[in-house]
N, C-alpha and C. Protein backbone atom coordinates (compact mmCIF):
# COMPACT_ATOMS: atom_id res chain seq x y z
N UNK A 1 85.21 -10.67 184.98
CA UNK A 1 86.40 -10.84 186.10
C UNK A 1 85.93 -10.08 187.05
N UNK A 2 86.42 -10.54 188.39
CA UNK A 2 86.21 -10.27 189.70
C UNK A 2 87.08 -10.48 190.51
N UNK A 3 88.19 -9.67 191.11
CA UNK A 3 89.25 -9.99 192.00
C UNK A 3 88.89 -8.83 193.10
N UNK A 4 89.78 -9.41 194.17
CA UNK A 4 89.60 -8.66 195.28
C UNK A 4 91.23 -8.96 196.07
N UNK A 5 91.50 -7.60 197.04
CA UNK A 5 92.48 -7.41 197.20
C UNK A 5 92.36 -7.86 198.73
N UNK A 6 93.54 -8.00 199.65
CA UNK A 6 93.59 -8.09 200.96
C UNK A 6 93.03 -6.87 201.73
N UNK A 7 92.81 -7.08 202.98
CA UNK A 7 92.27 -5.69 203.53
C UNK A 7 93.33 -4.90 204.21
N UNK A 8 93.47 -3.48 204.08
CA UNK A 8 94.54 -2.76 204.72
C UNK A 8 94.24 -1.98 205.57
N UNK A 9 94.76 -1.90 206.74
CA UNK A 9 94.50 -1.32 207.70
C UNK A 9 95.41 0.18 207.56
N UNK A 10 94.99 1.27 207.64
CA UNK A 10 95.81 2.48 207.25
C UNK A 10 95.46 3.83 208.21
N UNK A 11 96.33 4.56 208.26
CA UNK A 11 96.01 5.95 209.05
C UNK A 11 95.23 6.43 208.03
N UNK A 12 94.54 7.81 208.71
CA UNK A 12 93.61 8.61 207.86
C UNK A 12 94.73 9.38 207.11
N UNK A 13 94.36 9.73 205.74
CA UNK A 13 94.94 10.38 204.80
C UNK A 13 94.19 11.75 204.78
N UNK A 14 95.03 12.93 204.86
CA UNK A 14 94.70 14.33 204.65
C UNK A 14 93.85 15.06 205.86
N UNK A 15 93.90 14.24 207.00
CA UNK A 15 93.48 14.95 208.16
C UNK A 15 93.95 14.00 209.30
N UNK A 16 93.49 14.51 210.72
CA UNK A 16 93.81 13.68 211.80
C UNK A 16 92.76 13.41 212.39
N UNK A 17 92.91 11.93 212.88
CA UNK A 17 91.76 11.13 213.38
C UNK A 17 92.22 10.06 214.33
N UNK A 18 91.49 9.59 215.38
CA UNK A 18 91.77 8.58 216.27
C UNK A 18 91.77 7.23 215.63
N UNK A 19 90.43 6.90 214.86
CA UNK A 19 90.24 5.68 213.84
C UNK A 19 90.94 5.49 212.83
N UNK A 20 91.43 4.68 212.60
CA UNK A 20 92.32 4.22 211.33
C UNK A 20 91.37 3.70 210.37
N UNK A 21 91.74 3.35 208.91
CA UNK A 21 90.79 3.17 208.19
C UNK A 21 90.84 1.81 207.50
N UNK A 22 89.93 0.84 207.09
CA UNK A 22 90.00 -0.49 206.35
C UNK A 22 89.98 0.01 204.89
N UNK A 23 90.84 -0.36 204.35
CA UNK A 23 90.82 -0.30 202.85
C UNK A 23 90.67 -1.50 202.10
N UNK A 24 90.09 -2.15 201.10
CA UNK A 24 90.22 -2.97 199.98
C UNK A 24 89.81 -2.88 198.89
N UNK A 25 90.34 -3.17 197.99
CA UNK A 25 90.17 -3.06 196.52
C UNK A 25 89.40 -4.26 195.75
N UNK A 26 88.19 -3.74 194.77
CA UNK A 26 87.40 -4.78 194.13
C UNK A 26 87.65 -4.48 192.52
N UNK A 27 87.96 -5.35 192.03
CA UNK A 27 87.93 -5.33 190.46
C UNK A 27 86.96 -6.07 190.05
N UNK A 28 85.76 -5.32 189.08
CA UNK A 28 84.57 -5.86 188.75
C UNK A 28 84.41 -5.55 187.35
N UNK A 29 83.54 -6.39 186.55
CA UNK A 29 82.97 -5.96 185.30
C UNK A 29 81.49 -5.39 185.56
N UNK A 30 81.16 -4.35 185.04
CA UNK A 30 80.01 -3.66 184.95
C UNK A 30 79.52 -3.36 183.70
N UNK A 31 78.16 -3.28 183.24
CA UNK A 31 77.48 -2.85 182.25
C UNK A 31 77.26 -1.19 182.52
N UNK A 32 77.47 -0.92 183.62
CA UNK A 32 77.14 0.46 184.04
C UNK A 32 78.10 1.49 183.36
N UNK A 33 77.59 2.73 183.04
CA UNK A 33 78.54 3.65 182.64
C UNK A 33 79.25 4.49 184.07
N UNK A 34 80.02 5.29 183.66
CA UNK A 34 80.59 5.45 185.06
C UNK A 34 79.73 6.43 185.93
N UNK A 35 78.96 7.30 185.16
CA UNK A 35 78.18 8.08 186.12
C UNK A 35 76.86 7.15 187.05
N UNK A 36 76.54 6.12 186.17
CA UNK A 36 75.35 5.15 186.90
C UNK A 36 76.24 4.60 187.81
N UNK A 37 77.35 4.13 187.52
CA UNK A 37 78.20 3.27 188.76
C UNK A 37 78.35 4.09 189.92
N UNK A 38 78.63 5.26 189.97
CA UNK A 38 79.00 6.26 190.92
C UNK A 38 77.70 6.44 191.61
N UNK A 39 76.57 6.81 190.83
CA UNK A 39 75.29 6.89 191.67
C UNK A 39 74.79 5.45 192.48
N UNK A 40 75.18 4.35 191.94
CA UNK A 40 75.07 2.92 192.57
C UNK A 40 75.90 3.16 193.87
N UNK A 41 77.09 3.27 193.58
CA UNK A 41 78.08 3.16 195.09
C UNK A 41 77.55 4.34 195.99
N UNK A 42 77.14 5.63 195.48
CA UNK A 42 76.50 6.39 196.39
C UNK A 42 75.21 6.27 197.17
N UNK A 43 74.42 5.29 196.31
CA UNK A 43 73.24 4.44 197.03
C UNK A 43 73.69 3.50 198.17
N UNK A 44 74.87 2.78 197.84
CA UNK A 44 75.28 1.68 198.63
C UNK A 44 75.86 2.39 199.79
N UNK A 45 76.45 3.42 199.78
CA UNK A 45 77.19 4.25 201.01
C UNK A 45 76.00 4.70 201.89
N UNK A 46 74.99 5.18 201.21
CA UNK A 46 73.65 5.54 201.78
C UNK A 46 73.33 4.37 202.95
N UNK A 47 73.04 3.58 202.00
CA UNK A 47 72.42 2.26 202.59
C UNK A 47 73.06 1.69 204.01
N UNK A 48 74.60 2.00 203.55
CA UNK A 48 75.75 1.52 205.03
C UNK A 48 75.54 2.58 205.94
N UNK A 49 75.02 3.80 206.00
CA UNK A 49 74.86 4.71 207.02
C UNK A 49 76.01 5.85 206.77
N UNK A 50 76.58 5.63 205.51
CA UNK A 50 77.36 7.12 205.44
C UNK A 50 76.43 8.40 205.40
N UNK A 51 76.98 9.37 206.13
CA UNK A 51 75.94 10.75 206.15
C UNK A 51 76.93 11.70 205.55
N UNK A 52 76.70 12.39 204.54
CA UNK A 52 77.55 13.68 204.00
C UNK A 52 76.97 14.99 204.63
N UNK A 53 77.81 15.62 204.89
CA UNK A 53 78.04 16.93 205.45
C UNK A 53 78.19 18.23 204.09
N UNK A 54 77.52 18.70 203.35
CA UNK A 54 77.87 19.29 202.26
C UNK A 54 78.77 20.62 202.68
N UNK A 55 78.54 21.14 203.90
CA UNK A 55 79.24 22.58 204.26
C UNK A 55 80.58 22.20 204.81
N UNK A 56 80.75 20.91 205.11
CA UNK A 56 82.30 20.38 205.90
C UNK A 56 83.33 20.89 204.63
N UNK A 57 84.35 21.11 205.07
CA UNK A 57 85.72 21.67 204.15
C UNK A 57 86.69 20.55 204.74
N UNK A 58 87.38 19.93 203.61
CA UNK A 58 88.11 18.83 203.84
C UNK A 58 87.87 17.28 204.09
N UNK A 59 88.69 16.62 204.33
CA UNK A 59 88.54 15.34 204.85
C UNK A 59 87.98 15.02 206.25
N UNK A 60 87.11 13.90 206.30
CA UNK A 60 86.76 13.51 207.82
C UNK A 60 86.35 12.20 207.79
N UNK A 61 86.15 11.69 209.06
CA UNK A 61 86.06 10.19 209.28
C UNK A 61 84.61 9.79 208.87
N UNK A 62 84.64 8.72 208.21
CA UNK A 62 83.17 8.09 207.52
C UNK A 62 82.81 6.86 207.52
N UNK A 63 81.63 6.43 207.83
CA UNK A 63 81.16 4.93 207.80
C UNK A 63 81.94 4.14 206.65
N UNK A 64 81.87 4.69 205.56
CA UNK A 64 82.24 4.02 204.44
C UNK A 64 82.43 5.14 203.17
N UNK A 65 83.51 4.74 202.17
CA UNK A 65 83.51 5.61 201.05
C UNK A 65 84.13 4.84 199.76
N UNK A 66 83.19 4.51 199.28
CA UNK A 66 83.38 3.94 197.83
C UNK A 66 83.85 4.82 196.60
N UNK A 67 84.92 4.24 196.01
CA UNK A 67 85.45 5.20 194.97
C UNK A 67 85.85 4.38 193.82
N UNK A 68 85.53 4.88 192.42
CA UNK A 68 85.99 4.58 191.18
C UNK A 68 87.36 4.91 191.23
N UNK A 69 88.40 3.89 191.25
CA UNK A 69 89.82 4.46 191.07
C UNK A 69 90.17 4.30 189.24
N UNK A 70 89.63 3.30 188.86
CA UNK A 70 89.80 3.19 187.36
C UNK A 70 88.64 2.65 186.76
N UNK A 71 88.27 2.93 185.14
CA UNK A 71 87.38 2.62 184.61
C UNK A 71 87.84 1.88 183.21
N UNK A 72 88.57 0.79 183.12
CA UNK A 72 89.21 0.07 182.50
C UNK A 72 90.56 1.20 182.36
N UNK A 73 90.57 1.53 180.66
CA UNK A 73 91.59 2.19 180.52
C UNK A 73 90.88 3.64 179.89
N UNK A 74 89.92 3.65 180.39
CA UNK A 74 89.25 5.24 179.88
C UNK A 74 89.67 6.16 181.01
N UNK A 75 89.56 7.36 180.20
CA UNK A 75 89.56 8.74 180.97
C UNK A 75 88.34 9.31 180.91
N UNK A 76 87.65 9.59 182.01
CA UNK A 76 86.23 10.14 182.36
C UNK A 76 86.53 11.42 183.14
N UNK A 77 85.83 12.31 182.57
CA UNK A 77 85.63 13.61 183.44
C UNK A 77 84.45 14.39 183.42
N UNK A 78 83.37 13.91 184.25
CA UNK A 78 82.02 14.54 184.17
C UNK A 78 81.57 15.17 185.58
N UNK A 79 80.72 15.64 185.70
CA UNK A 79 80.31 16.62 186.85
C UNK A 79 80.23 15.53 188.13
N UNK A 80 80.01 14.21 187.96
CA UNK A 80 79.80 13.15 188.88
C UNK A 80 81.08 12.26 189.40
N UNK A 81 81.86 12.21 188.22
CA UNK A 81 82.95 11.24 188.37
C UNK A 81 84.05 11.73 187.78
N UNK A 82 85.59 11.67 188.05
CA UNK A 82 86.60 11.58 187.58
C UNK A 82 87.56 10.38 187.46
N UNK A 83 88.01 9.94 186.35
CA UNK A 83 88.72 8.42 186.39
C UNK A 83 89.73 8.63 185.29
N UNK A 84 90.91 8.34 185.73
CA UNK A 84 91.26 7.92 187.12
C UNK A 84 91.09 8.61 188.07
N UNK A 85 91.10 8.00 189.46
CA UNK A 85 91.07 9.01 190.36
C UNK A 85 92.08 9.91 190.40
N UNK A 86 91.72 11.37 190.58
CA UNK A 86 92.43 12.25 190.46
C UNK A 86 93.95 12.44 191.61
N UNK A 87 93.48 11.81 192.72
CA UNK A 87 94.64 11.66 193.64
C UNK A 87 95.04 10.29 193.81
N UNK A 88 94.73 9.26 192.98
CA UNK A 88 95.34 7.87 193.05
C UNK A 88 96.67 7.75 193.29
N UNK A 89 97.73 8.35 192.28
CA UNK A 89 98.58 8.03 192.49
C UNK A 89 99.78 9.02 193.59
N UNK A 90 99.00 9.43 194.62
CA UNK A 90 99.43 10.05 195.68
C UNK A 90 99.20 9.14 197.14
N UNK A 91 98.48 8.10 196.86
CA UNK A 91 97.82 7.68 198.04
C UNK A 91 98.16 6.11 198.03
N UNK A 92 99.15 5.81 198.96
CA UNK A 92 99.68 4.44 199.27
C UNK A 92 98.59 3.64 199.56
N UNK A 93 97.62 4.05 200.43
CA UNK A 93 96.41 3.04 200.50
C UNK A 93 95.74 2.58 199.48
N UNK A 94 95.41 3.31 198.52
CA UNK A 94 95.04 2.83 197.21
C UNK A 94 95.86 2.08 196.29
N UNK A 95 97.14 2.47 196.22
CA UNK A 95 98.29 2.15 195.37
C UNK A 95 98.64 0.31 196.02
N UNK A 96 98.70 0.16 196.96
CA UNK A 96 99.16 -0.85 198.04
C UNK A 96 98.12 -2.12 197.48
N UNK A 97 96.90 -2.03 197.55
CA UNK A 97 96.10 -3.16 197.19
C UNK A 97 95.94 -3.43 195.64
N UNK A 98 96.15 -2.03 194.74
CA UNK A 98 96.28 -2.14 193.23
C UNK A 98 97.30 -2.92 192.83
N UNK A 99 98.51 -2.80 193.31
CA UNK A 99 99.94 -3.39 193.44
C UNK A 99 99.44 -5.24 193.58
N UNK A 100 98.71 -5.26 194.48
CA UNK A 100 98.52 -6.68 195.07
C UNK A 100 97.53 -7.31 193.77
N UNK A 101 96.83 -6.47 193.33
CA UNK A 101 95.68 -7.41 192.22
C UNK A 101 96.03 -7.05 190.75
N UNK A 102 96.32 -5.85 190.38
CA UNK A 102 96.61 -5.77 189.19
C UNK A 102 97.93 -4.60 188.94
N UNK A 103 99.03 -5.23 189.17
CA UNK A 103 100.36 -4.46 189.14
C UNK A 103 100.94 -3.95 188.21
N UNK A 104 100.52 -4.68 187.01
CA UNK A 104 100.92 -4.18 185.75
C UNK A 104 100.08 -3.15 184.86
N UNK A 105 98.90 -2.84 185.27
CA UNK A 105 98.10 -2.07 184.84
C UNK A 105 98.48 -0.85 184.65
N UNK A 106 98.29 -0.27 183.44
CA UNK A 106 98.93 1.45 183.30
C UNK A 106 98.02 2.06 183.58
N UNK A 107 98.35 3.07 184.37
CA UNK A 107 97.54 4.42 184.46
C UNK A 107 97.36 4.79 183.12
N UNK A 108 96.09 5.17 182.77
CA UNK A 108 95.88 5.90 181.54
C UNK A 108 96.57 7.05 181.14
N UNK A 109 96.57 7.92 182.30
CA UNK A 109 97.30 9.29 181.87
C UNK A 109 98.96 9.30 182.18
N UNK A 110 99.46 8.71 183.05
CA UNK A 110 100.81 8.79 183.32
C UNK A 110 101.32 7.69 182.82
N UNK A 111 100.51 6.85 182.15
CA UNK A 111 100.93 5.56 181.46
C UNK A 111 102.55 4.65 182.21
N UNK A 112 102.22 4.79 183.44
CA UNK A 112 102.83 3.92 184.52
C UNK A 112 102.06 2.54 184.95
N UNK A 113 102.78 1.72 185.32
CA UNK A 113 102.31 0.79 186.26
C UNK A 113 101.78 1.08 187.55
N UNK A 114 101.05 0.26 188.04
CA UNK A 114 100.73 0.68 189.68
C UNK A 114 101.95 0.36 190.53
N UNK A 115 102.78 -0.57 190.17
CA UNK A 115 104.05 -0.62 190.94
C UNK A 115 105.00 0.56 190.56
N UNK A 116 104.94 0.84 189.46
CA UNK A 116 105.66 2.37 189.19
C UNK A 116 105.27 3.43 190.06
N UNK A 117 103.89 3.53 190.00
CA UNK A 117 103.03 4.70 190.80
C UNK A 117 103.57 4.54 192.25
N UNK A 118 103.68 3.50 192.83
CA UNK A 118 103.95 3.13 194.37
C UNK A 118 105.33 3.44 194.28
N UNK A 119 106.04 2.94 193.61
CA UNK A 119 107.59 3.37 193.81
C UNK A 119 107.90 4.52 193.63
N UNK A 120 107.18 5.64 193.22
CA UNK A 120 107.43 6.96 193.03
C UNK A 120 106.89 7.55 194.37
N UNK A 121 106.16 7.25 195.13
CA UNK A 121 105.53 7.84 196.50
C UNK A 121 106.77 7.82 197.44
């Protein structure tokens, strides 16, 4: 399975910035476990020019930001990754593309569909 949402241009979330963000959702099948997938995503971010600033507090503008929102219906909490993404239900910029691609998928913690989560915002 591989699905892709439309691209969404959205305001920065959690901080002020002049540049807006381009958000897109991909649903993919992988044989990787969550930690290995996160390592792969961080490697892609680095290849695309993302520079992380460990001492910086809060959110900031960045070249690219790849996240794991869900890993099927699994709940994962490791040092590298937490899925479902812990702030997913608070982020319209994530829920709108999720509603486009997998609107009926149930959040494994809240047991609500993506559509229901978006309606609660």
